[in-house]
């Protein structure tokens, strides 16, 4: 029996104004953050990976060109907010997909963590699955492919994908995990430097 087909959308289109430099190009374990994220998602068992680019896309595209199962999509409207990138990526999701994982490039997650969330989702009946750390919801978020039509209608003015999660709150599976990486967001230079220090210390 073949494994369930999982598509992932990796959001890497933003300008990273709070960081001060393009997040996707930041060093992470000897490669760029974008390259690391792509490798982690593929190792976790994602069959299709749609990478949404926007700001300085020409600089990023060569980093992932030729990777098996990976395609890049250009969102020219990236300045309007993350929801436009979500929609741009979702339009290219393979029709065979049973589940759709969404993750931003500034939310690096190790393969084991991604795999655990995917397995919990695919083995259960929930429409939406995500990890939690100390009671706080984290990422990645995995959606049943049956929600794709709703996901394609997200708007920044309506809180993006959060609106879909709230609408189906009764059918959400939260997975408690004892790993602070669940809630890691590299929004600022301080966030990034703290995360690099913690990784170097093995925490």
Protein backbone atom coordinates (compact mmCIF):
# COMPACT_ATOMS: atom_id res chain seq x y z
CA UNK A 1 0.00 0.00 0.00
CA UNK A 2 1.40 3.40 -0.99
CA UNK A 3 2.04 6.14 1.54
CA UNK A 4 -0.47 9.00 1.79
CA UNK A 5 0.38 11.85 -0.57
CA UNK A 6 1.26 15.01 1.37
CA UNK A 7 1.79 18.41 -0.21
CA UNK A 8 3.54 21.25 1.59
CA UNK A 9 3.56 24.98 0.98
CA UNK A 10 6.67 26.81 2.20
CA UNK A 11 6.20 30.57 2.41
CA UNK A 12 9.37 32.50 1.51
CA UNK A 13 8.09 35.57 -0.33
CA UNK A 14 8.31 38.33 2.28
CA UNK A 15 10.74 41.23 2.55
CA UNK A 16 11.74 40.42 6.16
CA UNK A 17 11.54 44.07 7.20
CA UNK A 18 11.75 43.36 10.94
CA UNK A 19 14.79 41.13 10.48
CA UNK A 20 16.64 43.70 8.41
CA UNK A 21 17.77 41.12 5.84
CA UNK A 22 16.11 38.38 3.84
CA UNK A 23 15.27 35.56 6.24
CA UNK A 24 15.46 32.84 3.61
CA UNK A 25 19.15 33.67 3.09
CA UNK A 26 20.15 33.55 6.77
CA UNK A 27 22.77 30.91 7.66
CA UNK A 28 21.32 27.82 9.38
CA UNK A 29 23.42 24.73 10.05
CA UNK A 30 25.88 25.55 7.30
CA UNK A 31 23.34 26.32 4.57
CA UNK A 32 20.69 28.97 4.03
CA UNK A 33 17.47 28.80 6.02
CA UNK A 34 15.56 28.14 2.80
CA UNK A 35 17.75 25.17 1.83
CA UNK A 36 17.54 23.75 5.35
CA UNK A 37 13.75 24.00 5.39
CA UNK A 38 13.39 22.31 2.01
CA UNK A 39 15.63 19.44 3.10
CA UNK A 40 13.78 19.03 6.41
CA UNK A 41 10.36 18.89 4.73
CA UNK A 42 11.49 16.35 2.15
CA UNK A 43 13.14 14.19 4.83
CA UNK A 44 9.90 14.29 6.79
CA UNK A 45 8.09 12.58 3.92
CA UNK A 46 6.46 15.39 1.97
CA UNK A 47 5.78 14.22 -1.60
CA UNK A 48 5.32 17.67 -3.12
CA UNK A 49 6.82 20.93 -1.91
CA UNK A 50 5.63 24.25 -3.31
CA UNK A 51 8.01 27.09 -2.39
CA UNK A 52 6.41 30.50 -2.71
CA UNK A 53 8.88 33.25 -3.62
CA UNK A 54 8.38 36.98 -4.05
CA UNK A 55 10.93 39.50 -2.82
CA UNK A 56 14.25 38.96 -4.62
CA UNK A 57 12.99 35.66 -6.00
CA UNK A 58 15.84 35.52 -8.51
CA UNK A 59 18.26 35.24 -5.60
CA UNK A 60 16.42 32.33 -3.99
CA UNK A 61 15.25 30.22 -6.91
CA UNK A 62 18.70 28.74 -7.72
CA UNK A 63 18.99 27.45 -4.13
CA UNK A 64 16.16 24.96 -4.62
CA UNK A 65 16.16 24.47 -8.39
CA UNK A 66 16.30 20.82 -9.37
CA UNK A 67 15.40 19.42 -5.96
CA UNK A 68 13.10 16.40 -6.47
CA UNK A 69 9.46 17.09 -5.72
CA UNK A 70 10.08 20.83 -5.33
CA UNK A 71 8.56 23.58 -7.45
CA UNK A 72 8.80 27.34 -7.04
CA UNK A 73 5.90 29.73 -7.47
CA UNK A 74 6.18 33.50 -7.80
CA UNK A 75 3.84 35.74 -5.83
CA UNK A 76 4.10 39.25 -7.23
CA UNK A 77 1.62 40.50 -4.61
CA UNK A 78 3.72 39.49 -1.60
CA UNK A 79 3.57 43.01 -0.15
CA UNK A 80 -0.17 42.58 0.48
CA UNK A 81 0.53 40.03 3.21
CA UNK A 82 1.10 36.35 3.87
CA UNK A 83 -2.39 35.30 2.71
CA UNK A 84 -1.57 36.14 -0.91
CA UNK A 85 1.41 33.77 -0.71
CA UNK A 86 -0.73 31.06 0.89
CA UNK A 87 -3.20 31.27 -2.00
CA UNK A 88 -0.41 31.35 -4.59
CA UNK A 89 1.08 28.15 -3.20
CA UNK A 90 -2.22 26.34 -2.70
CA UNK A 91 -3.17 26.84 -6.36
CA UNK A 92 -0.36 24.44 -7.24
CA UNK A 93 -1.17 21.67 -4.75
CA UNK A 94 -1.25 18.26 -6.43
CA UNK A 95 -4.80 16.88 -6.78
CA UNK A 96 -3.55 13.61 -5.25
CA UNK A 97 -2.84 15.34 -1.93
CA UNK A 98 -4.60 13.93 1.12
CA UNK A 99 -3.08 16.50 3.45
CA UNK A 100 -1.58 19.97 3.03
CA UNK A 101 1.14 21.26 5.34
CA UNK A 102 1.79 25.00 5.58
CA UNK A 103 4.97 26.46 7.05
CA UNK A 104 6.85 29.77 6.80
CA UNK A 105 10.56 29.95 6.06
CA UNK A 106 11.18 31.66 9.42
CA UNK A 107 9.74 28.68 11.31
CA UNK A 108 12.48 26.01 10.99
CA UNK A 109 11.35 22.63 12.26
CA UNK A 110 13.44 19.43 12.40
CA UNK A 111 12.25 16.50 10.29
CA UNK A 112 11.24 14.42 13.32
CA UNK A 113 8.85 17.15 14.50
CA UNK A 114 7.25 17.57 11.07
CA UNK A 115 6.96 13.80 10.70
CA UNK A 116 5.27 13.43 14.07
CA UNK A 117 2.62 16.04 13.22
CA UNK A 118 2.03 14.48 9.81
CA UNK A 119 1.70 10.96 11.21
CA UNK A 120 -0.75 12.09 13.88
CA UNK A 121 -2.86 13.83 11.27
CA UNK A 122 -2.86 10.97 8.78
CA UNK A 123 -3.64 8.35 11.43
CA UNK A 124 -6.54 10.34 12.88
CA UNK A 125 -9.75 11.87 11.64
CA UNK A 126 -9.17 15.54 12.52
CA UNK A 127 -9.41 18.15 9.78
CA UNK A 128 -6.51 20.19 11.16
CA UNK A 129 -3.46 19.16 13.21
CA UNK A 130 -0.70 21.18 14.81
CA UNK A 131 1.82 20.84 17.66
CA UNK A 132 1.72 22.74 20.94
CA UNK A 133 4.42 23.66 23.45
CA UNK A 134 3.48 24.60 27.02
CA UNK A 135 -0.10 25.16 25.94
CA UNK A 136 0.79 27.44 23.03
CA UNK A 137 -0.07 26.35 19.51
CA UNK A 138 2.82 26.11 17.08
CA UNK A 139 3.78 25.01 13.59
CA UNK A 140 3.61 23.31 11.16
CA UNK A 141 -0.13 23.22 10.62
CA UNK A 142 -1.52 20.32 8.60
CA UNK A 143 -4.89 20.59 6.89
CA UNK A 144 -7.08 17.92 5.35
CA UNK A 145 -7.12 18.39 1.57
CA UNK A 146 -10.91 18.60 1.82
CA UNK A 147 -10.39 22.12 3.22
CA UNK A 148 -8.54 23.34 0.12
CA UNK A 149 -11.50 25.32 -1.30
CA UNK A 150 -11.80 27.22 2.00
CA UNK A 151 -8.06 27.75 2.22
CA UNK A 152 -8.01 29.28 -1.25
CA UNK A 153 -10.39 31.98 -0.03
CA UNK A 154 -8.26 33.24 2.87
CA UNK A 155 -7.69 36.97 3.14
CA UNK A 156 -5.29 38.98 5.29
CA UNK A 157 -8.21 41.13 6.47
CA UNK A 158 -9.81 37.99 7.95
CA UNK A 159 -6.68 36.67 9.73
CA UNK A 160 -5.63 34.37 6.91
CA UNK A 161 -5.54 30.65 7.66
CA UNK A 162 -6.40 31.31 11.29
CA UNK A 163 -9.98 31.89 10.13
CA UNK A 164 -10.11 28.34 8.73
CA UNK A 165 -8.69 26.91 11.96
CA UNK A 166 -11.22 28.81 14.07
CA UNK A 167 -14.12 27.73 11.88
CA UNK A 168 -13.21 24.08 12.44
CA UNK A 169 -12.03 24.38 16.04
CA UNK A 170 -14.06 21.31 17.07
CA UNK A 171 -12.10 19.20 14.57
CA UNK A 172 -8.60 20.33 15.47
CA UNK A 173 -5.98 17.99 16.94
CA UNK A 174 -3.33 19.66 19.12
CA UNK A 175 -0.27 17.54 19.81
CA UNK A 176 1.56 18.46 23.05
CA UNK A 177 5.31 18.31 22.48
CA UNK A 178 8.20 18.94 24.85
CA UNK A 179 10.26 20.86 22.32
CA UNK A 180 10.49 24.68 22.24
CA UNK A 181 11.16 24.53 18.49
CA UNK A 182 7.41 23.98 18.09
CA UNK A 183 6.86 27.68 18.78
CA UNK A 184 10.05 29.13 17.28
CA UNK A 185 9.56 32.18 15.04
CA UNK A 186 12.54 34.07 13.66
CA UNK A 187 10.90 37.47 13.37
CA UNK A 188 13.77 39.70 14.48
CA UNK A 189 17.56 39.65 14.59
CA UNK A 190 17.35 38.97 18.34
CA UNK A 191 15.08 35.97 17.71
CA UNK A 192 17.52 34.62 15.16
CA UNK A 193 20.64 35.09 17.28
CA UNK A 194 18.92 33.51 20.29
CA UNK A 195 17.90 30.50 18.20
CA UNK A 196 21.40 30.07 16.78
CA UNK A 197 22.88 30.21 20.29
CA UNK A 198 20.40 27.64 21.59
CA UNK A 199 21.13 25.28 18.70
CA UNK A 200 24.87 25.60 19.28
CA UNK A 201 24.29 24.70 22.94
CA UNK A 202 22.23 21.68 21.93
CA UNK A 203 18.97 23.01 23.41
